[in-house]
Amino acid sequence: MLHRASLALAPIKRCLSTSVKDARTQALLDRVIRVDHAGEFGADRIYAGQLAVLGKTSVGPLIKILLCWSIWSMMVPTFYESENNLSPCALEPLVSIMKIILVPTFFFSNFVFVWAGTALLGKEAAMACTVAVEDVIGDHYNNQIRELVEDDPEKHKELLEIVKKFRDDELHHHDTGLKYDAEKAPFYGALTQVIKIGCKGAIWISERI
């Protein structure tokens, strides 16, 4: 009798197990795309602020390239969100409001200190900002890649290619910042650490909202 009952319940158990895994996968995808989209939005605001200050300097053309790249990168998660019915980050409207009223908060380092503050310290500080942000984001993308591979590398093949491309681009931006004298910025070590803490905090919060 117990054996028959166990056999009868087996399909239900498999169904429940599959449902739980599907829910976890959906939550993972939702988190990955939501945070990446908001992150690229934050990068867009950082480079826009730097361009306003340093647009006519020797690093102006470089910042324009980085800004254009962040705009393109922001469009990719947006398309993926709509195609897969994923939720945008709840912080995005707040980030937009902060842009207008210039409230010095740290969500995605999209605040006055990072927008224009580093640029006001000089082009080296602006590049130091790039190095700090891209270092954190590169590690973040690596963590996402590990999570997607652990969940189902074949199912997430397309998204993995996107995240890997983003990771490689961010690391290239990191190296570009070093090439353009980021380490010559005043208080380079302290400056980059503060920015990294802000980025990590913003990622932690956005993953949960």
N, C-alpha and C. Protein backbone atom coordinates (compact mmCIF):
# COMPACT_ATOMS: atom_id res chain seq x y z
N MET A 1 0.82 -1.20 0.00
CA MET A 1 0.00 0.00 0.00
C MET A 1 0.86 1.26 0.00
N LEU A 2 1.85 1.30 0.90
CA LEU A 2 2.74 2.46 0.97
C LEU A 2 3.54 2.62 -0.32
N HIS A 3 3.93 1.48 -0.90
CA HIS A 3 4.70 1.52 -2.15
C HIS A 3 3.84 2.13 -3.26
N ARG A 4 2.55 1.71 -3.32
CA ARG A 4 1.65 2.25 -4.35
C ARG A 4 1.44 3.75 -4.16
N ALA A 5 1.31 4.13 -2.89
CA ALA A 5 1.11 5.56 -2.60
C ALA A 5 2.34 6.36 -3.01
N SER A 6 3.51 5.78 -2.76
CA SER A 6 4.75 6.46 -3.12
C SER A 6 4.85 6.63 -4.63
N LEU A 7 4.45 5.57 -5.37
CA LEU A 7 4.48 5.64 -6.83
C LEU A 7 3.49 6.69 -7.34
N ALA A 8 2.35 6.77 -6.68
CA ALA A 8 1.32 7.72 -7.10
C ALA A 8 1.77 9.16 -6.86
N LEU A 9 2.53 9.35 -5.78
CA LEU A 9 2.97 10.70 -5.43
C LEU A 9 4.21 11.14 -6.21
N ALA A 10 4.90 10.20 -6.84
CA ALA A 10 6.15 10.51 -7.53
C ALA A 10 5.99 11.61 -8.58
N PRO A 11 4.96 11.53 -9.46
CA PRO A 11 4.82 12.62 -10.45
C PRO A 11 4.58 13.98 -9.81
N ILE A 12 3.84 13.99 -8.70
CA ILE A 12 3.57 15.25 -8.01
C ILE A 12 4.86 15.82 -7.44
N LYS A 13 5.69 14.95 -6.86
CA LYS A 13 6.97 15.39 -6.30
C LYS A 13 7.87 15.95 -7.39
N ARG A 14 7.89 15.27 -8.55
CA ARG A 14 8.71 15.75 -9.65
C ARG A 14 8.22 17.11 -10.14
N CYS A 15 6.90 17.24 -10.19
CA CYS A 15 6.30 18.50 -10.64
C CYS A 15 6.66 19.64 -9.68
N LEU A 16 6.56 19.35 -8.38
CA LEU A 16 6.90 20.36 -7.38
C LEU A 16 8.37 20.74 -7.44
N SER A 17 9.22 19.71 -7.63
CA SER A 17 10.66 19.96 -7.73
C SER A 17 10.97 20.84 -8.93
N THR A 18 10.31 20.53 -10.06
CA THR A 18 10.51 21.31 -11.28
C THR A 18 10.03 22.74 -11.09
N SER A 19 8.89 22.89 -10.41
CA SER A 19 8.33 24.22 -10.19
C SER A 19 9.24 25.07 -9.33
N VAL A 20 9.81 24.44 -8.30
CA VAL A 20 10.74 25.16 -7.42
C VAL A 20 11.96 25.61 -8.19
N LYS A 21 12.52 24.71 -9.03
CA LYS A 21 13.71 25.06 -9.82
C LYS A 21 13.38 26.17 -10.82
N ASP A 22 12.21 26.07 -11.45
CA ASP A 22 11.80 27.10 -12.40
C ASP A 22 11.67 28.46 -11.72
N ALA A 23 11.14 28.43 -10.50
CA ALA A 23 10.98 29.69 -9.75
C ALA A 23 12.35 30.27 -9.40
N ARG A 24 13.28 29.42 -9.02
CA ARG A 24 14.63 29.88 -8.70
C ARG A 24 15.32 30.45 -9.93
N THR A 25 15.15 29.76 -11.06
CA THR A 25 15.75 30.22 -12.31
C THR A 25 15.19 31.58 -12.70
N GLN A 26 13.87 31.72 -12.59
CA GLN A 26 13.23 32.99 -12.95
C GLN A 26 13.72 34.12 -12.04
N ALA A 27 13.87 33.80 -10.75
CA ALA A 27 14.37 34.81 -9.80
C ALA A 27 15.80 35.20 -10.14
N LEU A 28 16.61 34.23 -10.55
CA LEU A 28 18.00 34.50 -10.94
C LEU A 28 18.04 35.40 -12.16
N LEU A 29 17.26 35.06 -13.18
CA LEU A 29 17.24 35.86 -14.40
C LEU A 29 16.74 37.28 -14.11
N ASP A 30 15.72 37.36 -13.30
CA ASP A 30 15.15 38.65 -12.95
C ASP A 30 16.20 39.53 -12.27
N ARG A 31 16.96 38.93 -11.36
CA ARG A 31 17.98 39.68 -10.61
C ARG A 31 19.13 40.10 -11.52
N VAL A 32 19.58 39.17 -12.36
CA VAL A 32 20.72 39.45 -13.24
C VAL A 32 20.41 40.62 -14.18
N ILE A 33 19.29 40.53 -14.87
CA ILE A 33 18.95 41.55 -15.85
C ILE A 33 18.60 42.87 -15.17
N ARG A 34 17.87 42.80 -14.07
CA ARG A 34 17.47 44.02 -13.36
C ARG A 34 18.69 44.82 -12.91
N VAL A 35 19.64 44.14 -12.28
CA VAL A 35 20.81 44.84 -11.75
C VAL A 35 21.72 45.32 -12.88
N ASP A 36 21.89 44.50 -13.92
CA ASP A 36 22.76 44.90 -15.03
C ASP A 36 22.20 46.12 -15.76
N HIS A 37 20.89 46.14 -15.93
CA HIS A 37 20.28 47.27 -16.60
C HIS A 37 20.47 48.55 -15.79
N ALA A 38 20.21 48.47 -14.50
CA ALA A 38 20.37 49.64 -13.64
C ALA A 38 21.84 50.06 -13.57
N GLY A 39 22.74 49.09 -13.59
CA GLY A 39 24.17 49.39 -13.55
C GLY A 39 24.62 50.17 -14.76
N GLU A 40 24.15 49.75 -15.94
CA GLU A 40 24.51 50.48 -17.15
C GLU A 40 23.89 51.87 -17.16
N PHE A 41 22.71 51.99 -16.58
CA PHE A 41 22.08 53.30 -16.45
C PHE A 41 22.94 54.21 -15.56
N GLY A 42 23.44 53.63 -14.46
CA GLY A 42 24.32 54.40 -13.58
C GLY A 42 25.60 54.82 -14.29
N ALA A 43 26.17 53.92 -15.10
CA ALA A 43 27.39 54.25 -15.85
C ALA A 43 27.12 55.38 -16.83
N ASP A 44 25.96 55.33 -17.45
CA ASP A 44 25.57 56.39 -18.39
C ASP A 44 25.56 57.75 -17.69
N ARG A 45 25.03 57.80 -16.48
CA ARG A 45 24.96 59.06 -15.74
C ARG A 45 26.35 59.53 -15.30
N ILE A 46 27.20 58.59 -14.91
CA ILE A 46 28.56 58.95 -14.50
C ILE A 46 29.31 59.60 -15.65
N TYR A 47 29.29 58.94 -16.82
CA TYR A 47 30.03 59.47 -17.96
C TYR A 47 29.42 60.76 -18.47
N ALA A 48 28.10 60.90 -18.37
CA ALA A 48 27.47 62.15 -18.80
C ALA A 48 27.93 63.30 -17.90
N GLY A 49 28.03 63.03 -16.59
CA GLY A 49 28.51 64.06 -15.68
C GLY A 49 29.96 64.42 -15.93
N GLN A 50 30.77 63.42 -16.18
CA GLN A 50 32.19 63.68 -16.46
C GLN A 50 32.35 64.45 -17.77
N LEU A 51 31.53 64.09 -18.75
CA LEU A 51 31.64 64.76 -20.05
C LEU A 51 31.28 66.24 -19.93
N ALA A 52 30.33 66.55 -19.04
CA ALA A 52 29.94 67.95 -18.86
C ALA A 52 31.10 68.79 -18.35
N VAL A 53 31.99 68.15 -17.59
CA VAL A 53 33.13 68.87 -17.00
C VAL A 53 34.37 68.78 -17.88
N LEU A 54 34.61 67.60 -18.45
CA LEU A 54 35.86 67.36 -19.16
C LEU A 54 35.70 67.21 -20.67
N GLY A 55 34.53 67.58 -21.18
CA GLY A 55 34.26 67.37 -22.60
C GLY A 55 35.25 68.03 -23.54
N LYS A 56 35.82 69.15 -23.13
CA LYS A 56 36.73 69.90 -24.01
C LYS A 56 38.20 69.66 -23.68
N THR A 57 38.46 68.67 -22.81
CA THR A 57 39.84 68.35 -22.48
C THR A 57 40.35 67.21 -23.36
N SER A 58 41.56 66.78 -23.11
CA SER A 58 42.17 65.73 -23.92
C SER A 58 41.46 64.38 -23.77
N VAL A 59 40.78 64.18 -22.63
CA VAL A 59 40.08 62.90 -22.42
C VAL A 59 38.61 62.98 -22.83
N GLY A 60 38.18 64.14 -23.33
CA GLY A 60 36.79 64.30 -23.76
C GLY A 60 36.35 63.27 -24.77
N PRO A 61 37.12 63.06 -25.86
CA PRO A 61 36.73 62.05 -26.85
C PRO A 61 36.60 60.65 -26.26
N LEU A 62 37.50 60.30 -25.33
CA LEU A 62 37.44 58.99 -24.70
C LEU A 62 36.16 58.86 -23.87
N ILE A 63 35.83 59.89 -23.09
CA ILE A 63 34.62 59.84 -22.27
C ILE A 63 33.38 59.74 -23.15
N LYS A 64 33.39 60.40 -24.30
CA LYS A 64 32.27 60.30 -25.24
C LYS A 64 32.09 58.85 -25.70
N ILE A 65 33.21 58.19 -25.98
CA ILE A 65 33.15 56.79 -26.42
C ILE A 65 32.57 55.92 -25.30
N LEU A 66 33.05 56.13 -24.07
CA LEU A 66 32.54 55.36 -22.94
C LEU A 66 31.05 55.62 -22.71
N LEU A 67 30.63 56.86 -22.89
CA LEU A 67 29.22 57.21 -22.73
C LEU A 67 28.37 56.52 -23.79
N CYS A 68 28.81 56.57 -25.03
CA CYS A 68 28.07 55.90 -26.11
C CYS A 68 27.99 54.40 -25.87
N TRP A 69 29.08 53.84 -25.36
CA TRP A 69 29.08 52.40 -25.09
C TRP A 69 28.11 52.06 -23.97
N SER A 70 28.03 52.89 -22.94
CA SER A 70 27.11 52.62 -21.83
C SER A 70 25.66 52.73 -22.29
N ILE A 71 25.38 53.67 -23.22
CA ILE A 71 24.02 53.80 -23.75
C ILE A 71 23.63 52.54 -24.51
N TRP A 72 24.55 52.05 -25.35
CA TRP A 72 24.28 50.81 -26.09
C TRP A 72 24.11 49.63 -25.14
N SER A 73 24.98 49.54 -24.15
CA SER A 73 24.92 48.44 -23.19
C SER A 73 23.62 48.47 -22.41
N MET A 74 23.10 49.66 -22.13
CA MET A 74 21.86 49.79 -21.39
C MET A 74 20.67 49.27 -22.21
N MET A 75 20.75 49.37 -23.52
CA MET A 75 19.66 48.94 -24.38
C MET A 75 19.53 47.42 -24.43
N VAL A 76 20.64 46.70 -24.28
CA VAL A 76 20.61 45.24 -24.39
C VAL A 76 19.80 44.61 -23.26
N PRO A 77 20.08 44.95 -21.97
CA PRO A 77 19.24 44.39 -20.91
C PRO A 77 17.78 44.82 -21.01
N THR A 78 17.53 46.04 -21.53
CA THR A 78 16.16 46.51 -21.70
C THR A 78 15.41 45.61 -22.67
N PHE A 79 16.05 45.28 -23.79
CA PHE A 79 15.45 44.38 -24.77
C PHE A 79 15.23 43.00 -24.17
N TYR A 80 16.21 42.50 -23.43
CA TYR A 80 16.10 41.17 -22.82
C TYR A 80 14.98 41.15 -21.79
N GLU A 81 14.84 42.25 -21.04
CA GLU A 81 13.75 42.37 -20.06
C GLU A 81 12.40 42.21 -20.73
N SER A 82 12.18 42.96 -21.79
CA SER A 82 10.88 42.95 -22.46
C SER A 82 10.61 41.60 -23.12
N GLU A 83 11.65 40.98 -23.68
CA GLU A 83 11.49 39.70 -24.34
C GLU A 83 11.18 38.57 -23.36
N ASN A 84 11.63 38.71 -22.12
CA ASN A 84 11.48 37.64 -21.14
C ASN A 84 10.58 38.02 -19.96
N ASN A 85 9.87 39.13 -20.10
CA ASN A 85 8.93 39.57 -19.06
C ASN A 85 9.58 39.68 -17.68
N LEU A 86 10.76 40.31 -17.63
CA LEU A 86 11.47 40.48 -16.38
C LEU A 86 11.19 41.86 -15.81
N SER A 87 11.43 41.99 -14.50
CA SER A 87 11.11 43.23 -13.81
C SER A 87 12.29 44.18 -13.80
N PRO A 88 12.09 45.48 -14.13
CA PRO A 88 13.16 46.46 -14.04
C PRO A 88 13.51 46.74 -12.59
N CYS A 89 14.69 47.31 -12.37
CA CYS A 89 15.12 47.62 -11.02
C CYS A 89 14.27 48.73 -10.43
N ALA A 90 13.83 48.55 -9.19
CA ALA A 90 12.99 49.55 -8.53
C ALA A 90 13.73 50.84 -8.25
N LEU A 91 15.07 50.79 -8.32
CA LEU A 91 15.86 51.98 -8.04
C LEU A 91 15.92 52.94 -9.22
N GLU A 92 15.55 52.46 -10.43
CA GLU A 92 15.72 53.30 -11.61
C GLU A 92 15.00 54.64 -11.54
N PRO A 93 13.70 54.67 -11.15
CA PRO A 93 13.05 55.98 -11.05
C PRO A 93 13.74 56.87 -10.02
N LEU A 94 14.22 56.27 -8.93
CA LEU A 94 14.90 57.04 -7.90
C LEU A 94 16.19 57.63 -8.45
N VAL A 95 16.91 56.83 -9.24
CA VAL A 95 18.15 57.34 -9.84
C VAL A 95 17.86 58.52 -10.76
N SER A 96 16.77 58.43 -11.51
CA SER A 96 16.40 59.53 -12.40
C SER A 96 16.08 60.79 -11.61
N ILE A 97 15.37 60.63 -10.51
CA ILE A 97 15.03 61.77 -9.67
C ILE A 97 16.30 62.39 -9.09
N MET A 98 17.23 61.54 -8.64
CA MET A 98 18.47 62.05 -8.06
C MET A 98 19.26 62.85 -9.09
N LYS A 99 19.17 62.41 -10.35
CA LYS A 99 19.87 63.15 -11.40
C LYS A 99 19.37 64.59 -11.47
N ILE A 100 18.06 64.76 -11.29
CA ILE A 100 17.46 66.08 -11.42
C ILE A 100 17.75 66.96 -10.20
N ILE A 101 17.59 66.41 -8.98
CA ILE A 101 17.72 67.23 -7.78
C ILE A 101 19.10 67.14 -7.13
N LEU A 102 19.99 66.29 -7.72
CA LEU A 102 21.37 66.18 -7.25
C LEU A 102 21.48 65.83 -5.76
N VAL A 103 20.71 64.87 -5.33
CA VAL A 103 20.81 64.38 -3.96
C VAL A 103 22.03 63.47 -3.87
N PRO A 104 22.96 63.76 -2.94
CA PRO A 104 24.20 62.96 -2.85
C PRO A 104 23.98 61.62 -2.17
N THR A 105 23.44 60.68 -2.90
CA THR A 105 23.27 59.32 -2.40
C THR A 105 24.11 58.40 -3.25
N PHE A 106 24.25 57.16 -2.85
CA PHE A 106 25.25 56.33 -3.51
C PHE A 106 24.70 55.28 -4.46
N PHE A 107 23.40 55.19 -4.66
CA PHE A 107 22.87 54.15 -5.51
C PHE A 107 23.55 54.16 -6.87
N PHE A 108 24.25 53.08 -7.15
CA PHE A 108 25.02 52.88 -8.36
C PHE A 108 26.00 54.00 -8.61
N SER A 109 26.52 54.53 -7.52
CA SER A 109 27.51 55.59 -7.60
C SER A 109 27.03 56.74 -8.46
N ASN A 110 25.72 56.86 -8.58
CA ASN A 110 25.15 57.89 -9.46
C ASN A 110 24.82 59.12 -8.63
N PHE A 111 25.84 59.74 -8.08
CA PHE A 111 25.64 60.91 -7.24
C PHE A 111 26.67 61.96 -7.62
N VAL A 112 26.54 63.13 -7.04
CA VAL A 112 27.35 64.27 -7.45
C VAL A 112 28.83 63.97 -7.39
N PHE A 113 29.27 63.28 -6.34
CA PHE A 113 30.70 62.99 -6.16
C PHE A 113 31.26 62.24 -7.35
N VAL A 114 30.51 61.26 -7.85
CA VAL A 114 31.00 60.45 -8.96
C VAL A 114 30.68 61.10 -10.30
N TRP A 115 29.50 61.69 -10.43
CA TRP A 115 29.14 62.31 -11.70
C TRP A 115 30.19 63.32 -12.13
N ALA A 116 30.30 64.36 -11.31
CA ALA A 116 31.17 65.47 -11.70
C ALA A 116 32.29 65.69 -10.70
N GLY A 117 32.12 65.19 -9.48
CA GLY A 117 33.14 65.40 -8.44
C GLY A 117 34.51 64.91 -8.84
N THR A 118 34.57 63.68 -9.37
CA THR A 118 35.87 63.15 -9.77
C THR A 118 36.42 63.94 -10.95
N ALA A 119 35.52 64.36 -11.84
CA ALA A 119 35.97 65.14 -12.99
C ALA A 119 36.54 66.48 -12.54
N LEU A 120 35.96 67.08 -11.51
CA LEU A 120 36.45 68.36 -11.01
C LEU A 120 37.83 68.23 -10.40
N LEU A 121 38.18 67.02 -9.97
CA LEU A 121 39.52 66.77 -9.43
C LEU A 121 40.54 66.61 -10.56
N GLY A 122 40.06 66.52 -11.79
CA GLY A 122 40.97 66.38 -12.92
C GLY A 122 40.72 65.12 -13.72
N LYS A 123 41.30 65.06 -14.91
CA LYS A 123 41.07 63.90 -15.77
C LYS A 123 41.61 62.61 -15.18
N GLU A 124 42.68 62.71 -14.39
CA GLU A 124 43.22 61.49 -13.77
C GLU A 124 42.22 60.92 -12.77
N ALA A 125 41.54 61.78 -12.02
CA ALA A 125 40.54 61.32 -11.05
C ALA A 125 39.34 60.71 -11.77
N ALA A 126 38.96 61.29 -12.90
CA ALA A 126 37.86 60.73 -13.69
C ALA A 126 38.22 59.33 -14.16
N MET A 127 39.46 59.13 -14.57
CA MET A 127 39.91 57.81 -15.00
C MET A 127 40.00 56.85 -13.81
N ALA A 128 40.36 57.39 -12.64
CA ALA A 128 40.40 56.57 -11.42
C ALA A 128 39.00 56.08 -11.09
N CYS A 129 38.01 56.94 -11.30
CA CYS A 129 36.61 56.54 -11.11
C CYS A 129 36.25 55.39 -12.03
N THR A 130 36.65 55.50 -13.28
CA THR A 130 36.40 54.43 -14.25
C THR A 130 37.05 53.13 -13.80
N VAL A 131 38.30 53.20 -13.37
CA VAL A 131 39.01 52.01 -12.92
C VAL A 131 38.29 51.35 -11.74
N ALA A 132 37.88 52.15 -10.77
CA ALA A 132 37.23 51.61 -9.57
C ALA A 132 35.89 50.96 -9.91
N VAL A 133 35.08 51.67 -10.68
CA VAL A 133 33.76 51.15 -11.03
C VAL A 133 33.87 49.87 -11.85
N GLU A 134 34.73 49.88 -12.86
CA GLU A 134 34.84 48.72 -13.75
C GLU A 134 35.45 47.51 -13.04
N ASP A 135 36.30 47.76 -12.06
CA ASP A 135 36.86 46.66 -11.28
C ASP A 135 35.76 45.92 -10.52
N VAL A 136 34.88 46.68 -9.88
CA VAL A 136 33.77 46.07 -9.14
C VAL A 136 32.79 45.39 -10.09
N ILE A 137 32.47 46.05 -11.17
CA ILE A 137 31.50 45.50 -12.12
C ILE A 137 32.04 44.25 -12.80
N GLY A 138 33.34 44.23 -13.08
CA GLY A 138 33.95 43.03 -13.67
C GLY A 138 33.79 41.83 -12.75
N ASP A 139 34.07 42.02 -11.46
CA ASP A 139 33.88 40.94 -10.47
C ASP A 139 32.41 40.53 -10.39
N HIS A 140 31.52 41.53 -10.45
CA HIS A 140 30.09 41.26 -10.38
C HIS A 140 29.64 40.40 -11.56
N TYR A 141 30.11 40.73 -12.75
CA TYR A 141 29.75 39.93 -13.92
C TYR A 141 30.30 38.51 -13.81
N ASN A 142 31.49 38.35 -13.27
CA ASN A 142 32.04 37.01 -13.07
C ASN A 142 31.17 36.19 -12.12
N ASN A 143 30.66 36.84 -11.08
CA ASN A 143 29.76 36.14 -10.15
C ASN A 143 28.48 35.73 -10.85
N GLN A 144 27.96 36.59 -11.70
CA GLN A 144 26.74 36.26 -12.44
C GLN A 144 26.98 35.08 -13.39
N ILE A 145 28.13 35.09 -14.04
CA ILE A 145 28.46 33.99 -14.95
C ILE A 145 28.49 32.67 -14.20
N ARG A 146 29.09 32.67 -13.02
CA ARG A 146 29.15 31.44 -12.22
C ARG A 146 27.74 30.97 -11.84
N GLU A 147 26.89 31.89 -11.45
CA GLU A 147 25.52 31.53 -11.06
C GLU A 147 24.74 30.96 -12.24
N LEU A 148 24.88 31.55 -13.40
CA LEU A 148 24.15 31.08 -14.58
C LEU A 148 24.65 29.71 -15.02
N VAL A 149 25.95 29.49 -14.95
CA VAL A 149 26.52 28.20 -15.32
C VAL A 149 26.05 27.11 -14.34
N GLU A 150 26.05 27.44 -13.06
CA GLU A 150 25.60 26.47 -12.05
C GLU A 150 24.12 26.12 -12.22
N ASP A 151 23.32 27.09 -12.68
CA ASP A 151 21.89 26.84 -12.84
C ASP A 151 21.61 25.99 -14.07
N ASP A 152 22.06 26.44 -15.24
CA ASP A 152 21.85 25.68 -16.47
C ASP A 152 22.58 26.38 -17.62
N PRO A 153 23.81 25.97 -17.91
CA PRO A 153 24.61 26.67 -18.93
C PRO A 153 23.99 26.64 -20.32
N GLU A 154 23.29 25.56 -20.66
CA GLU A 154 22.69 25.45 -21.98
C GLU A 154 21.47 26.35 -22.10
N LYS A 155 20.66 26.35 -21.06
CA LYS A 155 19.45 27.18 -21.06
C LYS A 155 19.79 28.66 -21.09
N HIS A 156 20.89 29.02 -20.44
CA HIS A 156 21.28 30.43 -20.34
C HIS A 156 22.39 30.80 -21.33
N LYS A 157 22.53 30.00 -22.38
CA LYS A 157 23.63 30.20 -23.32
C LYS A 157 23.65 31.62 -23.89
N GLU A 158 22.50 32.12 -24.32
CA GLU A 158 22.44 33.46 -24.92
C GLU A 158 22.80 34.53 -23.90
N LEU A 159 22.22 34.41 -22.70
CA LEU A 159 22.49 35.40 -21.66
C LEU A 159 23.95 35.34 -21.21
N LEU A 160 24.51 34.16 -21.15
CA LEU A 160 25.91 34.02 -20.78
C LEU A 160 26.82 34.74 -21.76
N GLU A 161 26.50 34.63 -23.04
CA GLU A 161 27.30 35.33 -24.05
C GLU A 161 27.21 36.85 -23.86
N ILE A 162 26.02 37.33 -23.51
CA ILE A 162 25.84 38.77 -23.28
C ILE A 162 26.65 39.22 -22.07
N VAL A 163 26.52 38.49 -20.96
CA VAL A 163 27.21 38.87 -19.73
C VAL A 163 28.73 38.79 -19.90
N LYS A 164 29.20 37.77 -20.59
CA LYS A 164 30.64 37.65 -20.84
C LYS A 164 31.15 38.81 -21.69
N LYS A 165 30.35 39.21 -22.69
CA LYS A 165 30.72 40.35 -23.53
C LYS A 165 30.78 41.62 -22.68
N PHE A 166 29.79 41.82 -21.83
CA PHE A 166 29.79 42.97 -20.94
C PHE A 166 31.00 42.95 -20.02
N ARG A 167 31.30 41.77 -19.46
CA ARG A 167 32.44 41.63 -18.55
C ARG A 167 33.74 42.02 -19.24
N ASP A 168 33.93 41.50 -20.44
CA ASP A 168 35.15 41.79 -21.18
C ASP A 168 35.26 43.29 -21.52
N ASP A 169 34.12 43.88 -21.86
CA ASP A 169 34.13 45.32 -22.17
C ASP A 169 34.47 46.16 -20.94
N GLU A 170 33.90 45.78 -19.79
CA GLU A 170 34.18 46.53 -18.56
C GLU A 170 35.66 46.43 -18.17
N LEU A 171 36.23 45.25 -18.33
CA LEU A 171 37.64 45.08 -18.01
C LEU A 171 38.53 45.87 -18.99
N HIS A 172 38.07 45.99 -20.24
CA HIS A 172 38.79 46.82 -21.21
C HIS A 172 38.74 48.28 -20.79
N HIS A 173 37.58 48.73 -20.32
CA HIS A 173 37.46 50.11 -19.82
C HIS A 173 38.35 50.33 -18.60
N HIS A 174 38.43 49.31 -17.74
CA HIS A 174 39.30 49.37 -16.57
C HIS A 174 40.75 49.59 -17.00
N ASP A 175 41.19 48.81 -17.97
CA ASP A 175 42.57 48.92 -18.46
C ASP A 175 42.80 50.26 -19.17
N THR A 176 41.76 50.75 -19.84
CA THR A 176 41.86 52.05 -20.51
C THR A 176 42.06 53.16 -19.49
N GLY A 177 41.34 53.07 -18.37
CA GLY A 177 41.50 54.06 -17.31
C GLY A 177 42.92 54.08 -16.77
N LEU A 178 43.51 52.92 -16.60
CA LEU A 178 44.90 52.84 -16.14
C LEU A 178 45.85 53.43 -17.18
N LYS A 179 45.55 53.16 -18.45
CA LYS A 179 46.38 53.68 -19.54
C LYS A 179 46.38 55.21 -19.56
N TYR A 180 45.24 55.79 -19.17
CA TYR A 180 45.11 57.24 -19.18
C TYR A 180 45.39 57.85 -17.79
N ASP A 181 46.35 57.27 -17.11
CA ASP A 181 46.94 57.87 -15.89
C ASP A 181 46.01 57.91 -14.68
N ALA A 182 45.13 56.94 -14.54
CA ALA A 182 44.25 56.89 -13.36
C ALA A 182 45.04 56.88 -12.05
N GLU A 183 46.16 56.17 -12.06
CA GLU A 183 46.94 56.02 -10.82
C GLU A 183 47.65 57.31 -10.41
N LYS A 184 47.62 58.32 -11.28
CA LYS A 184 48.22 59.61 -10.94
C LYS A 184 47.21 60.54 -10.27
N ALA A 185 45.98 60.07 -10.08
CA ALA A 185 44.95 60.89 -9.45
C ALA A 185 45.33 61.16 -7.99
N PRO A 186 44.96 62.33 -7.47
CA PRO A 186 45.23 62.61 -6.05
C PRO A 186 44.51 61.62 -5.15
N PHE A 187 45.23 61.09 -4.18
CA PHE A 187 44.65 60.13 -3.23
C PHE A 187 44.00 58.94 -3.96
N TYR A 188 44.71 58.42 -4.94
CA TYR A 188 44.18 57.35 -5.79
C TYR A 188 43.63 56.18 -4.98
N GLY A 189 44.41 55.69 -4.02
CA GLY A 189 43.97 54.53 -3.24
C GLY A 189 42.70 54.79 -2.48
N ALA A 190 42.64 55.91 -1.76
CA ALA A 190 41.45 56.23 -0.97
C ALA A 190 40.25 56.52 -1.88
N LEU A 191 40.49 57.23 -2.96
CA LEU A 191 39.42 57.59 -3.89
C LEU A 191 38.76 56.35 -4.49
N THR A 192 39.57 55.44 -4.97
CA THR A 192 39.01 54.24 -5.60
C THR A 192 38.31 53.34 -4.59
N GLN A 193 38.82 53.29 -3.37
CA GLN A 193 38.17 52.46 -2.35
C GLN A 193 36.79 52.99 -2.00
N VAL A 194 36.66 54.30 -1.88
CA VAL A 194 35.36 54.91 -1.58
C VAL A 194 34.36 54.59 -2.69
N ILE A 195 34.80 54.74 -3.92
CA ILE A 195 33.92 54.47 -5.06
C ILE A 195 33.53 52.99 -5.11
N LYS A 196 34.49 52.12 -4.83
CA LYS A 196 34.19 50.68 -4.84
C LYS A 196 33.17 50.32 -3.77
N ILE A 197 33.29 50.90 -2.59
CA ILE A 197 32.34 50.63 -1.51
C ILE A 197 30.94 51.07 -1.94
N GLY A 198 30.85 52.24 -2.57
CA GLY A 198 29.56 52.71 -3.06
C GLY A 198 28.96 51.78 -4.09
N CYS A 199 29.78 51.31 -5.02
CA CYS A 199 29.30 50.39 -6.06
C CYS A 199 28.83 49.07 -5.47
N LYS A 200 29.62 48.51 -4.56
CA LYS A 200 29.24 47.23 -3.95
C LYS A 200 27.96 47.37 -3.15
N GLY A 201 27.81 48.47 -2.45
CA GLY A 201 26.60 48.70 -1.68
C GLY A 201 25.38 48.82 -2.58
N ALA A 202 25.54 49.52 -3.70
CA ALA A 202 24.43 49.69 -4.64
C ALA A 202 24.03 48.36 -5.26
N ILE A 203 25.01 47.53 -5.61
CA ILE A 203 24.72 46.22 -6.17
C ILE A 203 23.96 45.36 -5.16
N TRP A 204 24.43 45.37 -3.92
CA TRP A 204 23.79 44.57 -2.86
C TRP A 204 22.33 44.98 -2.69
N ILE A 205 22.08 46.27 -2.68
CA ILE A 205 20.71 46.76 -2.50
C ILE A 205 19.84 46.43 -3.71
N SER A 206 20.36 46.66 -4.90
CA SER A 206 19.57 46.45 -6.13
C SER A 206 19.26 44.98 -6.36
N GLU A 207 20.09 44.09 -5.90
CA GLU A 207 19.81 42.67 -6.03
C GLU A 207 18.61 42.26 -5.18
N ARG A 208 18.25 43.07 -4.21
CA ARG A 208 17.17 42.73 -3.29
C ARG A 208 15.92 43.57 -3.46
N ILE A 209 15.92 44.46 -4.46
CA ILE A 209 14.75 45.31 -4.68
C ILE A 209 14.22 45.10 -6.09
